[in-house]
Amino acid sequence: MNNSTIHAVTGAFGYSGKYITLRLLAQGCTVHTLTNSPQRYNSFGEQVVVHPFHFNDPARLAATLQGVSVLYNTYWVRFNHRQFTHAEAVRNTRILFEAARLAGVERVVHVSITNPRRDLGLEYFSGKAELEQALVDSGMSYAILRPAVLFGKEDILINNIAWALRRFPVFGLFGDGSYGIQPIYVDDLAGLAVEQGRERNNLILNAIGPESFSYRELVTTIGRIIGKPRRLISLPPRLGYLVARGIGWAVGDVFLTWDEIQGLMAGTLAVDTPPSGATRLTEWAGQHAATLGMHYTSELARRRDRVQSYQSN
């Protein structure tokens, strides 16, 4: 990798973007970040040049990308909220891609999702599908990485499953829990992203870890590892969603959305391809069993607080 070129990472102070940035800096690369949180705590100091997103001023956004060789895009929103929506995220990402094209960015490494589909009627997956097509049509060199679920110290989903197992005597599954899930370690995803930043051939890659679980198996495994095995009960999906809403209300967050439940049960978080990550969730969770799930991780708290760094679990 030519270390004199500029690598731009969206969300270097966030989750996956932070790990991509760490990988690039370790290789001596020049790194810029585009962020909605320019005031958030910056552990990188002067190693990373900070630019706010300028979605409302595409020319200015393009100017911040001048001289950038590779753009690593992790920008997205997990659910619709009065402060942000999937439609807004799609529009903003399209603006970002066009700004990159106008600025002469050579390659875009874009983080998507396994099984992006328009036919499910789920905005998360249809929005990801639309953005993949927009990038393909842009004419820029691209690598599209499709992770299912990430795990790591700043994770939300795996941590909050453990949190629920620590606090409730039973754990509710949506239906029978037989649908698959293939988590990948966030630093393995970062390694794939940086590796693809060196390439120029167009690629779409399922970014999954070496272990595959049914959702039931995943919950059982996490419970065993943290020493909190629980009775699992199968709930009608709508009832399970009402329980999730109640938990969200209690913690002031969105615990799970109906779209996430539908996507999970539709098998969108599992694919029939070889693993691209090497870190096993069971081994990682075993190493962090004492802290995993000790504290709830709030998506909304992270979005409301644009100053504090993401807390590790």
C-alpha atoms as a PDB file:
ATOM      1  CA  MET A   1       0.000   0.000   0.000  1.00  0.00           C
ATOM      2  CA  ASN A   2       1.297   3.453  -0.948  1.00  0.00           C
ATOM      3  CA  ASN A   3       1.445   5.293   2.378  1.00  0.00           C
ATOM      4  CA  SER A   4       1.683   8.709   0.683  1.00  0.00           C
ATOM      5  CA  THR A   5      -1.922   8.434  -0.499  1.00  0.00           C
ATOM      6  CA  ILE A   6      -4.865   9.545   1.610  1.00  0.00           C
ATOM      7  CA  HIS A   7      -7.347   7.037   2.977  1.00  0.00           C
ATOM      8  CA  ALA A   8     -10.709   8.407   4.135  1.00  0.00           C
ATOM      9  CA  VAL A   9     -12.820   6.505   6.671  1.00  0.00           C
ATOM     10  CA  THR A  10     -16.373   7.440   7.561  1.00  0.00           C
ATOM     11  CA  GLY A  11     -16.951   7.256  11.317  1.00  0.00           C
ATOM     12  CA  ALA A  12     -13.402   6.746  12.589  1.00  0.00           C
ATOM     13  CA  PHE A  13     -14.615   7.590  16.110  1.00  0.00           C
ATOM     14  CA  GLY A  14     -17.387   4.999  15.955  1.00  0.00           C
ATOM     15  CA  TYR A  15     -17.307   1.212  15.797  1.00  0.00           C
ATOM     16  CA  SER A  16     -16.137  -0.538  12.623  1.00  0.00           C
ATOM     17  CA  GLY A  17     -14.651   2.707  11.306  1.00  0.00           C
ATOM     18  CA  LYS A  18     -12.368   2.888  14.337  1.00  0.00           C
ATOM     19  CA  TYR A  19     -10.938  -0.563  13.668  1.00  0.00           C
ATOM     20  CA  ILE A  20     -10.366   0.227   9.994  1.00  0.00           C
ATOM     21  CA  THR A  21      -8.561   3.408  11.047  1.00  0.00           C
ATOM     22  CA  LEU A  22      -6.382   1.516  13.527  1.00  0.00           C
ATOM     23  CA  ARG A  23      -5.384  -0.928  10.792  1.00  0.00           C
ATOM     24  CA  LEU A  24      -4.502   1.872   8.376  1.00  0.00           C
ATOM     25  CA  LEU A  25      -2.489   3.818  10.940  1.00  0.00           C
ATOM     26  CA  ALA A  26      -0.580   0.666  11.881  1.00  0.00           C
ATOM     27  CA  GLN A  27       0.538   0.488   8.254  1.00  0.00           C
ATOM     28  CA  GLY A  28       1.709   4.108   8.309  1.00  0.00           C
ATOM     29  CA  CYS A  29      -1.112   5.411   6.112  1.00  0.00           C
ATOM     30  CA  THR A  30      -2.399   8.977   5.997  1.00  0.00           C
ATOM     31  CA  VAL A  31      -5.976   8.863   7.298  1.00  0.00           C
ATOM     32  CA  HIS A  32      -8.827  11.364   7.144  1.00  0.00           C
ATOM     33  CA  THR A  33     -12.259  10.801   8.625  1.00  0.00           C
ATOM     34  CA  LEU A  34     -15.692  12.126   7.713  1.00  0.00           C
ATOM     35  CA  THR A  35     -18.039  12.188  10.667  1.00  0.00           C
ATOM     36  CA  ASN A  36     -21.283  13.553  12.068  1.00  0.00           C
ATOM     37  CA  SER A  37     -19.500  13.809  15.429  1.00  0.00           C
ATOM     38  CA  PRO A  38     -16.421  16.012  14.919  1.00  0.00           C
ATOM     39  CA  GLN A  39     -16.475  16.892  18.632  1.00  0.00           C
ATOM     40  CA  ARG A  40     -16.427  13.268  19.801  1.00  0.00           C
ATOM     41  CA  TYR A  41     -13.377  12.217  21.798  1.00  0.00           C
ATOM     42  CA  ASN A  42     -10.538  11.551  19.358  1.00  0.00           C
ATOM     43  CA  SER A  43      -8.131   8.910  20.612  1.00  0.00           C
ATOM     44  CA  PHE A  44      -6.096   9.275  17.411  1.00  0.00           C
ATOM     45  CA  GLY A  45      -5.126  12.899  18.027  1.00  0.00           C
ATOM     46  CA  GLU A  46      -3.309  14.516  15.136  1.00  0.00           C
ATOM     47  CA  GLN A  47      -2.856  11.191  13.363  1.00  0.00           C
ATOM     48  CA  VAL A  48      -6.300  11.588  11.787  1.00  0.00           C
ATOM     49  CA  VAL A  49      -7.585  14.677   9.945  1.00  0.00           C
ATOM     50  CA  VAL A  50     -11.233  15.317  10.831  1.00  0.00           C
ATOM     51  CA  HIS A  51     -13.879  16.566   8.385  1.00  0.00           C
ATOM     52  CA  PRO A  52     -17.582  16.974   9.168  1.00  0.00           C
ATOM     53  CA  PHE A  53     -19.990  15.459   6.689  1.00  0.00           C
ATOM     54  CA  HIS A  54     -21.385  18.131   4.378  1.00  0.00           C
ATOM     55  CA  PHE A  55     -24.352  16.274   2.954  1.00  0.00           C
ATOM     56  CA  ASN A  56     -26.228  19.553   2.457  1.00  0.00           C
ATOM     57  CA  ASP A  57     -23.309  20.991   0.478  1.00  0.00           C
ATOM     58  CA  PRO A  58     -22.155  18.311  -2.002  1.00  0.00           C
ATOM     59  CA  ALA A  59     -19.483  20.570  -3.531  1.00  0.00           C
ATOM     60  CA  ARG A  60     -17.920  21.093  -0.129  1.00  0.00           C
ATOM     61  CA  LEU A  61     -18.133  17.369   0.586  1.00  0.00           C
ATOM     62  CA  ALA A  62     -16.342  16.656  -2.688  1.00  0.00           C
ATOM     63  CA  ALA A  63     -13.665  19.184  -1.720  1.00  0.00           C
ATOM     64  CA  THR A  64     -12.932  17.278   1.505  1.00  0.00           C
ATOM     65  CA  LEU A  65     -12.350  14.162  -0.615  1.00  0.00           C
ATOM     66  CA  GLN A  66      -9.844  15.773  -2.963  1.00  0.00           C
ATOM     67  CA  GLY A  67      -6.657  13.728  -3.014  1.00  0.00           C
ATOM     68  CA  VAL A  68      -8.269  10.693  -1.384  1.00  0.00           C
ATOM     69  CA  SER A  69      -7.288   7.396  -2.955  1.00  0.00           C
ATOM     70  CA  VAL A  70      -9.589   5.032  -1.038  1.00  0.00           C
ATOM     71  CA  LEU A  71     -12.856   5.740   0.774  1.00  0.00           C
ATOM     72  CA  TYR A  72     -13.975   3.234   3.416  1.00  0.00           C
ATOM     73  CA  ASN A  73     -17.683   3.736   3.997  1.00  0.00           C
ATOM     74  CA  THR A  74     -19.353   2.498   7.194  1.00  0.00           C
ATOM     75  CA  TYR A  75     -22.052   5.216   7.326  1.00  0.00           C
ATOM     76  CA  TRP A  76     -25.571   3.904   8.013  1.00  0.00           C
ATOM     77  CA  VAL A  77     -28.382   3.941  10.579  1.00  0.00           C
ATOM     78  CA  ARG A  78     -29.764   0.875  12.307  1.00  0.00           C
ATOM     79  CA  PHE A  79     -33.428   1.906  12.432  1.00  0.00           C
ATOM     80  CA  ASN A  80     -35.824   4.732  11.703  1.00  0.00           C
ATOM     81  CA  HIS A  81     -36.127   7.385  14.395  1.00  0.00           C
ATOM     82  CA  ARG A  82     -37.424  10.927  14.570  1.00  0.00           C
ATOM     83  CA  GLN A  83     -33.788  12.099  14.481  1.00  0.00           C
ATOM     84  CA  PHE A  84     -32.671   9.895  11.569  1.00  0.00           C
ATOM     85  CA  THR A  85     -34.165   7.537   8.977  1.00  0.00           C
ATOM     86  CA  HIS A  86     -33.101   4.883   6.515  1.00  0.00           C
ATOM     87  CA  ALA A  87     -34.311   7.088   3.655  1.00  0.00           C
ATOM     88  CA  GLU A  88     -32.048   9.879   4.864  1.00  0.00           C
ATOM     89  CA  ALA A  89     -29.109   7.485   5.150  1.00  0.00           C
ATOM     90  CA  VAL A  90     -29.684   6.259   1.589  1.00  0.00           C
ATOM     91  CA  ARG A  91     -29.885   9.819   0.257  1.00  0.00           C
ATOM     92  CA  ASN A  92     -26.761  10.895   2.147  1.00  0.00           C
ATOM     93  CA  THR A  93     -24.768   7.872   1.020  1.00  0.00           C
ATOM     94  CA  ARG A  94     -25.704   8.539  -2.599  1.00  0.00           C
ATOM     95  CA  ILE A  95     -24.437  12.100  -2.136  1.00  0.00           C
ATOM     96  CA  LEU A  96     -21.233  10.711  -0.624  1.00  0.00           C
ATOM     97  CA  PHE A  97     -20.653   8.335  -3.552  1.00  0.00           C
ATOM     98  CA  GLU A  98     -21.215  11.113  -6.078  1.00  0.00           C
ATOM     99  CA  ALA A  99     -18.871  13.438  -4.179  1.00  0.00           C
ATOM    100  CA  ALA A 100     -16.229  10.699  -4.204  1.00  0.00           C
ATOM    101  CA  ARG A 101     -16.634  10.238  -7.944  1.00  0.00           C
ATOM    102  CA  LEU A 102     -16.317  13.967  -8.603  1.00  0.00           C
ATOM    103  CA  ALA A 103     -13.247  14.165  -6.346  1.00  0.00           C
ATOM    104  CA  GLY A 104     -11.513  11.400  -8.292  1.00  0.00           C
ATOM    105  CA  VAL A 105     -11.495   8.794  -5.496  1.00  0.00           C
ATOM    106  CA  GLU A 106      -9.985   5.634  -6.979  1.00  0.00           C
ATOM    107  CA  ARG A 107     -11.763   2.993  -4.899  1.00  0.00           C
ATOM    108  CA  VAL A 108     -14.630   2.686  -2.446  1.00  0.00           C
ATOM    109  CA  VAL A 109     -14.736  -0.080   0.168  1.00  0.00           C
ATOM    110  CA  HIS A 110     -18.349  -0.163   1.290  1.00  0.00           C
ATOM    111  CA  VAL A 111     -19.812  -2.021   4.275  1.00  0.00           C
ATOM    112  CA  SER A 112     -23.222  -3.476   3.409  1.00  0.00           C
ATOM    113  CA  ILE A 113     -25.170  -6.452   4.859  1.00  0.00           C
ATOM    114  CA  THR A 114     -25.649 -10.109   4.008  1.00  0.00           C
ATOM    115  CA  ASN A 115     -28.541 -10.696   1.624  1.00  0.00           C
ATOM    116  CA  PRO A 116     -29.474  -7.109   0.738  1.00  0.00           C
ATOM    117  CA  ARG A 117     -32.887  -7.504  -0.872  1.00  0.00           C
ATOM    118  CA  ARG A 118     -35.703  -5.319  -2.094  1.00  0.00           C
ATOM    119  CA  ASP A 119     -38.412  -8.000  -1.991  1.00  0.00           C
ATOM    120  CA  LEU A 120     -38.657  -8.328   1.802  1.00  0.00           C
ATOM    121  CA  GLY A 121     -40.314  -4.977   2.304  1.00  0.00           C
ATOM    122  CA  LEU A 122     -37.701  -4.109   4.948  1.00  0.00           C
ATOM    123  CA  GLU A 123     -36.039  -0.710   4.563  1.00  0.00           C
ATOM    124  CA  TYR A 124     -32.753  -1.800   6.109  1.00  0.00           C
ATOM    125  CA  PHE A 125     -32.177  -4.463   3.467  1.00  0.00           C
ATOM    126  CA  SER A 126     -33.759  -2.634   0.527  1.00  0.00           C
ATOM    127  CA  GLY A 127     -31.716   0.488   1.343  1.00  0.00           C
ATOM    128  CA  LYS A 128     -28.516  -1.547   1.404  1.00  0.00           C
ATOM    129  CA  ALA A 129     -29.442  -3.133  -1.937  1.00  0.00           C
ATOM    130  CA  GLU A 130     -30.102   0.291  -3.466  1.00  0.00           C
ATOM    131  CA  LEU A 131     -26.730   1.612  -2.289  1.00  0.00           C
ATOM    132  CA  GLU A 132     -24.836  -1.407  -3.580  1.00  0.00           C
ATOM    133  CA  GLN A 133     -26.350  -0.814  -7.017  1.00  0.00           C
ATOM    134  CA  ALA A 134     -25.566   2.908  -6.832  1.00  0.00           C
ATOM    135  CA  LEU A 135     -21.921   2.118  -6.117  1.00  0.00           C
ATOM    136  CA  VAL A 136     -21.737  -0.452  -8.909  1.00  0.00           C
ATOM    137  CA  ASP A 137     -23.236   2.101 -11.315  1.00  0.00           C
ATOM    138  CA  SER A 138     -20.871   4.885 -10.191  1.00  0.00           C
ATOM    139  CA  GLY A 139     -17.991   3.740 -12.376  1.00  0.00           C
ATOM    140  CA  MET A 140     -15.573   3.780  -9.429  1.00  0.00           C
ATOM    141  CA  SER A 141     -13.583   0.713  -8.446  1.00  0.00           C
ATOM    142  CA  TYR A 142     -15.354  -0.928  -5.499  1.00  0.00           C
ATOM    143  CA  ALA A 143     -15.316  -3.662  -2.905  1.00  0.00           C
ATOM    144  CA  ILE A 144     -18.601  -4.369  -1.152  1.00  0.00           C
ATOM    145  CA  LEU A 145     -18.292  -6.232   2.142  1.00  0.00           C
ATOM    146  CA  ARG A 146     -21.411  -7.947   3.452  1.00  0.00           C
ATOM    147  CA  PRO A 147     -21.185  -8.717   7.188  1.00  0.00           C
ATOM    148  CA  ALA A 148     -24.050 -10.391   9.024  1.00  0.00           C
ATOM    149  CA  VAL A 149     -23.487  -9.294  12.630  1.00  0.00           C
ATOM    150  CA  LEU A 150     -20.354  -7.772  14.151  1.00  0.00           C
ATOM    151  CA  PHE A 151     -18.960  -8.615  17.560  1.00  0.00           C
ATOM    152  CA  GLY A 152     -16.274  -6.809  19.532  1.00  0.00           C
ATOM    153  CA  LYS A 153     -15.752  -4.651  22.604  1.00  0.00           C
ATOM    154  CA  GLU A 154     -18.082  -1.872  21.397  1.00  0.00           C
ATOM    155  CA  ASP A 155     -20.733  -4.240  20.044  1.00  0.00           C
ATOM    156  CA  ILE A 156     -24.448  -3.773  20.701  1.00  0.00           C
ATOM    157  CA  LEU A 157     -26.341  -6.931  19.664  1.00  0.00           C
ATOM    158  CA  ILE A 158     -24.162  -9.666  21.184  1.00  0.00           C
ATOM    159  CA  ASN A 159     -23.524  -7.587  24.305  1.00  0.00           C
ATOM    160  CA  ASN A 160     -27.208  -6.912  24.854  1.00  0.00           C
ATOM    161  CA  ILE A 161     -28.121 -10.570  24.419  1.00  0.00           C
ATOM    162  CA  ALA A 162     -25.636 -11.271  27.227  1.00  0.00           C
ATOM    163  CA  TRP A 163     -27.070  -8.372  29.238  1.00  0.00           C
ATOM    164  CA  ALA A 164     -30.580  -9.857  28.974  1.00  0.00           C
ATOM    165  CA  LEU A 165     -29.306 -13.302  29.932  1.00  0.00           C
ATOM    166  CA  ARG A 166     -27.695 -11.836  33.048  1.00  0.00           C
ATOM    167  CA  ARG A 167     -30.902 -10.104  34.157  1.00  0.00           C
ATOM    168  CA  PHE A 168     -33.868 -12.289  33.234  1.00  0.00           C
ATOM    169  CA  PRO A 169     -34.642 -15.861  34.315  1.00  0.00           C
ATOM    170  CA  VAL A 170     -35.893 -16.819  30.835  1.00  0.00           C
ATOM    171  CA  PHE A 171     -34.994 -15.682  27.324  1.00  0.00           C
ATOM    172  CA  GLY A 172     -37.636 -15.361  24.630  1.00  0.00           C
ATOM    173  CA  LEU A 173     -37.003 -16.472  21.062  1.00  0.00           C
ATOM    174  CA  PHE A 174     -38.966 -15.274  18.047  1.00  0.00           C
ATOM    175  CA  GLY A 175     -40.594 -18.465  16.879  1.00  0.00           C
ATOM    176  CA  ASP A 176     -38.417 -21.554  17.207  1.00  0.00           C
ATOM    177  CA  GLY A 177     -35.078 -19.744  16.855  1.00  0.00           C
ATOM    178  CA  SER A 178     -33.872 -22.025  14.055  1.00  0.00           C
ATOM    179  CA  TYR A 179     -32.869 -19.206  11.679  1.00  0.00           C
ATOM    180  CA  GLY A 180     -29.146 -18.750  11.137  1.00  0.00           C
ATOM    181  CA  ILE A 181     -26.637 -16.075  12.118  1.00  0.00           C
ATOM    182  CA  GLN A 182     -22.915 -15.842  11.309  1.00  0.00           C
ATOM    183  CA  PRO A 183     -21.111 -13.179  13.380  1.00  0.00           C
ATOM    184  CA  ILE A 184     -17.750 -11.730  12.345  1.00  0.00           C
ATOM    185  CA  TYR A 185     -15.207 -10.076  14.628  1.00  0.00           C
ATOM    186  CA  VAL A 186     -15.064  -6.351  13.945  1.00  0.00           C
ATOM    187  CA  ASP A 187     -11.271  -6.343  13.538  1.00  0.00           C
ATOM    188  CA  ASP A 188     -11.487  -9.183  11.024  1.00  0.00           C
ATOM    189  CA  LEU A 189     -13.906  -7.026   9.032  1.00  0.00           C
ATOM    190  CA  ALA A 190     -11.446  -4.130   9.301  1.00  0.00           C
ATOM    191  CA  GLY A 191      -8.659  -6.359   8.012  1.00  0.00           C
ATOM    192  CA  LEU A 192     -10.771  -7.330   5.010  1.00  0.00           C
ATOM    193  CA  ALA A 193     -11.570  -3.666   4.337  1.00  0.00           C
ATOM    194  CA  VAL A 194      -7.932  -2.574   4.415  1.00  0.00           C
ATOM    195  CA  GLU A 195      -6.901  -5.548   2.298  1.00  0.00           C
ATOM    196  CA  GLN A 196      -9.489  -4.568  -0.304  1.00  0.00           C
ATOM    197  CA  GLY A 197      -8.263  -0.979  -0.192  1.00  0.00           C
ATOM    198  CA  ARG A 198      -5.087  -2.238  -1.869  1.00  0.00           C
ATOM    199  CA  GLU A 199      -6.967  -3.875  -4.722  1.00  0.00           C
ATOM    200  CA  ARG A 200      -8.683  -2.399  -7.769  1.00  0.00           C
ATOM    201  CA  ASN A 201     -10.747  -5.334  -9.016  1.00  0.00           C
ATOM    202  CA  ASN A 202     -14.450  -5.033  -8.287  1.00  0.00           C
ATOM    203  CA  LEU A 203     -15.618  -7.453  -5.611  1.00  0.00           C
ATOM    204  CA  ILE A 204     -18.666  -8.343  -3.540  1.00  0.00           C
ATOM    205  CA  LEU A 205     -17.741 -10.491  -0.519  1.00  0.00           C
ATOM    206  CA  ASN A 206     -19.786 -12.042   2.273  1.00  0.00           C
ATOM    207  CA  ALA A 207     -17.907 -11.056   5.432  1.00  0.00           C
ATOM    208  CA  ILE A 208     -18.769 -13.810   7.893  1.00  0.00           C
ATOM    209  CA  GLY A 209     -16.922 -15.488  10.731  1.00  0.00           C
ATOM    210  CA  PRO A 210     -15.858 -19.134  11.021  1.00  0.00           C
ATOM    211  CA  GLU A 211     -18.787 -20.161  13.256  1.00  0.00           C
ATOM    212  CA  SER A 212     -22.409 -20.528  12.203  1.00  0.00           C
ATOM    213  CA  PHE A 213     -25.241 -20.670  14.712  1.00  0.00           C
ATOM    214  CA  SER A 214     -28.965 -20.864  14.770  1.00  0.00           C
ATOM    215  CA  TYR A 215     -30.290 -17.994  16.859  1.00  0.00           C
ATOM    216  CA  ARG A 216     -31.246 -20.523  19.525  1.00  0.00           C
ATOM    217  CA  GLU A 217     -27.707 -21.920  19.518  1.00  0.00           C
ATOM    218  CA  LEU A 218     -26.212 -18.440  19.699  1.00  0.00           C
ATOM    219  CA  VAL A 219     -28.219 -17.498  22.786  1.00  0.00           C
ATOM    220  CA  THR A 220     -27.529 -20.860  24.433  1.00  0.00           C
ATOM    221  CA  THR A 221     -23.811 -20.525  23.730  1.00  0.00           C
ATOM    222  CA  ILE A 222     -23.546 -16.997  25.104  1.00  0.00           C
ATOM    223  CA  GLY A 223     -25.468 -17.995  28.225  1.00  0.00           C
ATOM    224  CA  ARG A 224     -23.155 -20.935  28.849  1.00  0.00           C
ATOM    225  CA  ILE A 225     -20.007 -18.864  28.310  1.00  0.00           C
ATOM    226  CA  ILE A 226     -21.001 -16.095  30.734  1.00  0.00           C
ATOM    227  CA  GLY A 227     -22.289 -18.579  33.301  1.00  0.00           C
ATOM    228  CA  LYS A 228     -25.946 -17.639  32.862  1.00  0.00           C
ATOM    229  CA  PRO A 229     -27.681 -20.520  31.108  1.00  0.00           C
ATOM    230  CA  ARG A 230     -31.374 -19.730  30.838  1.00  0.00           C
ATOM    231  CA  ARG A 231     -34.523 -21.470  29.828  1.00  0.00           C
ATOM    232  CA  LEU A 232     -35.402 -20.495  26.251  1.00  0.00           C
ATOM    233  CA  ILE A 233     -39.046 -20.035  25.390  1.00  0.00           C
ATOM    234  CA  SER A 234     -40.519 -19.730  21.901  1.00  0.00           C
ATOM    235  CA  LEU A 235     -42.815 -16.732  21.493  1.00  0.00           C
ATOM    236  CA  PRO A 236     -45.044 -15.648  18.640  1.00  0.00           C
ATOM    237  CA  PRO A 237     -42.971 -13.013  16.832  1.00  0.00           C
ATOM    238  CA  ARG A 238     -45.412 -10.184  17.547  1.00  0.00           C
ATOM    239  CA  LEU A 239     -45.438 -10.999  21.253  1.00  0.00           C
ATOM    240  CA  GLY A 240     -41.639 -11.186  21.252  1.00  0.00           C
ATOM    241  CA  TYR A 241     -41.551  -7.778  19.625  1.00  0.00           C
ATOM    242  CA  LEU A 242     -43.806  -6.337  22.338  1.00  0.00           C
ATOM    243  CA  VAL A 243     -41.427  -7.731  24.971  1.00  0.00           C
ATOM    244  CA  ALA A 244     -38.477  -6.160  23.124  1.00  0.00           C
ATOM    245  CA  ARG A 245     -40.332  -2.832  23.024  1.00  0.00           C
ATOM    246  CA  GLY A 246     -40.930  -3.061  26.754  1.00  0.00           C
ATOM    247  CA  ILE A 247     -37.234  -3.649  27.407  1.00  0.00           C
ATOM    248  CA  GLY A 248     -36.396  -0.728  25.123  1.00  0.00           C
ATOM    249  CA  TRP A 249     -38.802   1.522  27.012  1.00  0.00           C
ATOM    250  CA  ALA A 250     -37.244   0.486  30.328  1.00  0.00           C
ATOM    251  CA  VAL A 251     -33.691   1.303  29.197  1.00  0.00           C
ATOM    252  CA  GLY A 252     -34.578   4.345  27.068  1.00  0.00           C
ATOM    253  CA  ASP A 253     -33.450   2.748  23.830  1.00  0.00           C
ATOM    254  CA  VAL A 254     -34.633   0.653  20.882  1.00  0.00           C
ATOM    255  CA  PHE A 255     -33.794  -2.902  21.932  1.00  0.00           C
ATOM    256  CA  LEU A 256     -34.893  -4.532  18.658  1.00  0.00           C
ATOM    257  CA  THR A 257     -37.090  -3.372  15.810  1.00  0.00           C
ATOM    258  CA  TRP A 258     -39.827  -5.300  14.029  1.00  0.00           C
ATOM    259  CA  ASP A 259     -37.804  -5.046  10.814  1.00  0.00           C
ATOM    260  CA  GLU A 260     -34.780  -6.603  12.548  1.00  0.00           C
ATOM    261  CA  ILE A 261     -36.903  -9.464  13.846  1.00  0.00           C
ATOM    262  CA  GLN A 262     -38.409 -10.076  10.399  1.00  0.00           C
ATOM    263  CA  GLY A 263     -35.011  -9.936   8.731  1.00  0.00           C
ATOM    264  CA  LEU A 264     -33.513 -12.328  11.266  1.00  0.00           C
ATOM    265  CA  MET A 265     -36.354 -14.825  10.889  1.00  0.00           C
ATOM    266  CA  ALA A 266     -36.163 -14.588   7.079  1.00  0.00           C
ATOM    267  CA  GLY A 267     -32.619 -15.962   7.236  1.00  0.00           C
ATOM    268  CA  THR A 268     -30.930 -12.806   5.972  1.00  0.00           C
ATOM    269  CA  LEU A 269     -28.048 -13.087   8.452  1.00  0.00           C
ATOM    270  CA  ALA A 270     -26.788 -16.402   7.092  1.00  0.00           C
ATOM    271  CA  VAL A 271     -25.182 -17.295   3.767  1.00  0.00           C
ATOM    272  CA  ASP A 272     -23.787 -20.405   2.123  1.00  0.00           C
ATOM    273  CA  THR A 273     -20.235 -19.219   1.478  1.00  0.00           C
ATOM    274  CA  PRO A 274     -16.857 -19.936   3.112  1.00  0.00           C
ATOM    275  CA  PRO A 275     -15.899 -17.776   6.109  1.00  0.00           C
ATOM    276  CA  SER A 276     -13.777 -14.697   5.487  1.00  0.00           C
ATOM    277  CA  GLY A 277     -12.946 -13.970   9.145  1.00  0.00           C
ATOM    278  CA  ALA A 278     -10.806 -16.147  11.416  1.00  0.00           C
ATOM    279  CA  THR A 279     -11.808 -15.104  14.952  1.00  0.00           C
ATOM    280  CA  ARG A 280     -14.287 -17.412  16.636  1.00  0.00           C
ATOM    281  CA  LEU A 281     -17.075 -15.796  18.630  1.00  0.00           C
ATOM    282  CA  THR A 282     -16.909 -18.571  21.219  1.00  0.00           C
ATOM    283  CA  GLU A 283     -13.210 -17.915  21.879  1.00  0.00           C
ATOM    284  CA  TRP A 284     -13.613 -14.142  21.975  1.00  0.00           C
ATOM    285  CA  ALA A 285     -16.633 -14.343  24.279  1.00  0.00           C
ATOM    286  CA  GLY A 286     -14.735 -16.724  26.557  1.00  0.00           C
ATOM    287  CA  GLN A 287     -11.918 -14.195  26.860  1.00  0.00           C
ATOM    288  CA  HIS A 288     -14.417 -11.433  27.746  1.00  0.00           C
ATOM    289  CA  ALA A 289     -16.909 -13.504  29.752  1.00  0.00           C
ATOM    290  CA  ALA A 290     -16.406 -11.450  32.919  1.00  0.00           C
ATOM    291  CA  THR A 291     -17.483  -8.191  31.250  1.00  0.00           C
ATOM    292  CA  LEU A 292     -19.716  -9.250  28.363  1.00  0.00           C
ATOM    293  CA  GLY A 293     -23.232  -8.012  29.060  1.00  0.00           C
ATOM    294  CA  MET A 294     -22.421  -6.427  32.408  1.00  0.00           C
ATOM    295  CA  HIS A 295     -23.720  -3.115  31.103  1.00  0.00           C
ATOM    296  CA  TYR A 296     -26.422  -2.363  28.557  1.00  0.00           C
ATOM    297  CA  THR A 297     -25.206  -0.683  25.358  1.00  0.00           C
ATOM    298  CA  SER A 298     -27.592   1.969  24.031  1.00  0.00           C
ATOM    299  CA  GLU A 299     -27.781   2.840  20.340  1.00  0.00           C
ATOM    300  CA  LEU A 300     -29.712   6.040  21.033  1.00  0.00           C
ATOM    301  CA  ALA A 301     -27.311   7.164  23.752  1.00  0.00           C
ATOM    302  CA  ARG A 302     -24.446   6.962  21.272  1.00  0.00           C
ATOM    303  CA  ARG A 303     -26.342   9.045  18.739  1.00  0.00           C
ATOM    304  CA  ARG A 304     -27.455  11.654  21.250  1.00  0.00           C
ATOM    305  CA  ASP A 305     -24.035  12.051  22.833  1.00  0.00           C
ATOM    306  CA  ARG A 306     -21.702  13.307  20.110  1.00  0.00           C
ATOM    307  CA  VAL A 307     -18.813  13.992  22.504  1.00  0.00           C
ATOM    308  CA  GLN A 308     -18.011  10.877  24.534  1.00  0.00           C
ATOM    309  CA  SER A 309     -16.203   7.945  22.947  1.00  0.00           C
ATOM    310  CA  TYR A 310     -18.008   4.634  22.464  1.00  0.00           C
ATOM    311  CA  GLN A 311     -17.683   2.609  25.647  1.00  0.00           C
ATOM    312  CA  SER A 312     -16.161  -0.856  25.532  1.00  0.00           C
ATOM    313  CA  ASN A 313     -18.160  -3.731  26.966  1.00  0.00           C
END
